Amino acid sequence: YWKWEVVDFALVPDSYKMINSGVLTPVVKASKGKIEIPGIRIFNEPIIAVNTR
């Protein structure tokens, strides 16, 4: 039975790292884009709504 643990995250190859959007998205939304996270670009992308009535 093989197990593992991270001992130094900085040494882990990028191919094994993944952004957790389930955590990141609510934080960005709650800050209304005002939070700064190193390595992450936060921006507002307007959504165009069309009413067909």
Protein backbone atom coordinates (compact mmCIF):
# COMPACT_ATOMS: atom_id res chain seq x y z
CA TYR A 1 0.00 0.00 0.00
CA TRP A 2 1.74 3.16 -1.25
CA LYS A 3 1.10 6.57 0.32
CA TRP A 4 2.59 10.03 -0.21
CA GLU A 5 2.81 13.46 1.44
CA VAL A 6 4.03 16.86 0.27
CA VAL A 7 7.20 17.92 2.08
CA ASP A 8 8.06 21.03 0.00
CA PHE A 9 5.36 22.35 -2.35
CA ALA A 10 7.86 24.62 -4.15
CA LEU A 11 9.71 21.54 -5.39
CA VAL A 12 6.61 19.78 -6.77
CA PRO A 13 6.61 19.87 -10.61
CA ASP A 14 3.93 22.17 -12.07
CA SER A 15 2.30 19.25 -13.88
CA TYR A 16 1.16 17.95 -10.47
CA LYS A 17 -0.28 21.27 -9.28
CA MET A 18 -3.90 22.26 -9.91
CA ILE A 19 -5.93 25.40 -9.16
CA ASN A 20 -9.00 24.69 -7.01
CA SER A 21 -11.62 26.84 -8.77
CA GLY A 22 -14.25 25.67 -6.27
CA VAL A 23 -12.35 27.59 -3.60
CA LEU A 24 -11.00 30.44 -5.75
CA THR A 25 -14.27 31.52 -7.45
CA PRO A 26 -16.28 32.23 -4.25
CA VAL A 27 -13.36 34.20 -2.78
CA VAL A 28 -13.08 36.36 -5.92
CA LYS A 29 -16.86 36.88 -6.08
CA ALA A 30 -17.08 37.79 -2.37
CA SER A 31 -14.32 40.39 -2.81
CA LYS A 32 -16.05 41.74 -5.95
CA GLY A 33 -12.71 41.48 -7.74
CA LYS A 34 -10.81 43.56 -5.20
CA ILE A 35 -8.65 40.72 -3.86
CA GLU A 36 -5.12 40.28 -5.21
CA ILE A 37 -3.74 36.75 -5.51
CA PRO A 38 -0.18 36.31 -6.80
CA GLY A 39 -0.16 34.60 -10.18
CA ILE A 40 -3.91 35.07 -10.73
CA ARG A 41 -5.45 37.77 -12.96
CA ILE A 42 -8.88 38.79 -11.69
CA PHE A 43 -11.18 40.58 -14.12
CA ASN A 44 -14.85 41.26 -14.83
CA GLU A 45 -16.33 39.81 -17.99
CA PRO A 46 -19.76 41.35 -18.68
CA ILE A 47 -22.57 39.01 -19.67
CA ILE A 48 -24.93 40.22 -22.39
CA ALA A 49 -28.53 39.24 -21.74
CA VAL A 50 -31.06 39.19 -24.57
CA ASN A 51 -34.81 39.20 -23.97
CA THR A 52 -36.79 37.72 -26.89
CA ARG A 53 -40.18 39.03 -25.81
